[in-house]
Amino acid sequence: MNIFGEIIKASVNAPSGDNSQPWQFKVRENKIYVYNLAERDIPFYNYEQKGSYIAHGCIIENIKIVATSYGYETNVSLFPDEHDRNLVAVLDLIKKDIEIDELNDFVSLRCTNRKPYEDKMLTGKQKEELLSAVKEIGFGELKLIEDEKEKRVIVRVSGINEKIVLTVKKLHNIFFHHTVWSKREELEKKTGLYVKTLEMNPVVTAIFKAFSHWPVMKFFSYLGFHKIVANENAKVYVKSAVIGAILIDDNSIQSFVKAGRLFERIWLKATKMGLSLHPVTGALFFMQRIMGGETEGFTVKQVEEVKMAYSTICKFYNAKDKIIPLLFRVGYGGEPSDRSSKMEPKIIFE
């Protein structure tokens, strides 16, 4: 493995839907070609591959950061071939006397933390540090909401994700198909949603496993259990220090990759400050499908509920005519119970 392979390998700790890691790489001379593996991520959430493109933005930012520790500056060209949307980017690495990015040491430490966070606010300096990511990337907007009442409304309407996933058979089956139940299985697959990262106690985990069987889940849905799950999650999420949102100008695939780059930089800054972060994106990804005219799988009522949830989120973040592709909570969660493993990156050297 040459130096560019080492850079890629050191960069793969990037977030992706259910740890799908939808990428592979080609290395030719001083260029890294980043390809999307369209079959990796869950199609229902991943409308037009936009979830995967966010993930690619995250790993591109990681590569750009890690490359500085090897003495390389990185120029990023997005979608250089208009006929191939799976060629997400070409990264041109240029040997240069360059300072190591201060976030380099935190790439390997970044992880999702779904624990309940302490009921504690961020300092002004911490918020400024998170907001500085926008200027450093040169793209998008970041808005942070810390008002208790506003957070409560945002997390409540975001709960439409749990309500739909647990009552629609197709989504239920997809969700549980990608759930990984043991550490042994997690280490073998190194992909999927590892149940221990959901931060449930043994009793709740056993109930959750029973719900993986659709007839059981269907019965309890009639009793309104999906609403209980959504409400309990909302109680956890509202205790976060802030609920953050990234805003972008348009719905283009280029903007989703750039949003991913911004998101990763925010996440690494949070990690540097000892803060925890947890993406809350289900309702936003549902809205992408609906905005694209894809309503199959939703009831008429669910379509309206998703639209209302998204409209409410946009209102609180004063989005106006902008798009919100990412919503996340930040706070003091301590160490997570476990972390998801990463697969060895597939790299082709030419």
Foldseek 3Di string as FASTA:
>chain_A
DDPLLVLLQLQQLFDAAQQQSQWFWEDEDQKIFIFGNVVRHDPLLCPVNLRVLLRLLLSVLSSQQSLVVVQWHWDWDAPPDVVHNRRGIMIGTDRHRHHRPPLNVQSVVFFAAQFQFALDADDPVLVVLLQCLCVVLVFWGKDKDQDLVLLLLLLLLLLLLLLLCLAQVVSLQVLLVQEDEDPVSLVVVLGGNDVLSNVDPPVVSVVVVVSSDPVVSNVVVVVVVSSVVSVVSSVRQSSFNIKMWTWHADDDSNNSSSNSNSVNSSSSSLVVVQKHKHWSQRLLSNVVCVVVVNCPSHDPVSSVSSVVSLVSVCVVVVRVNIGTRTIMTMHNRHDRPDGRGHDSHHYHYD
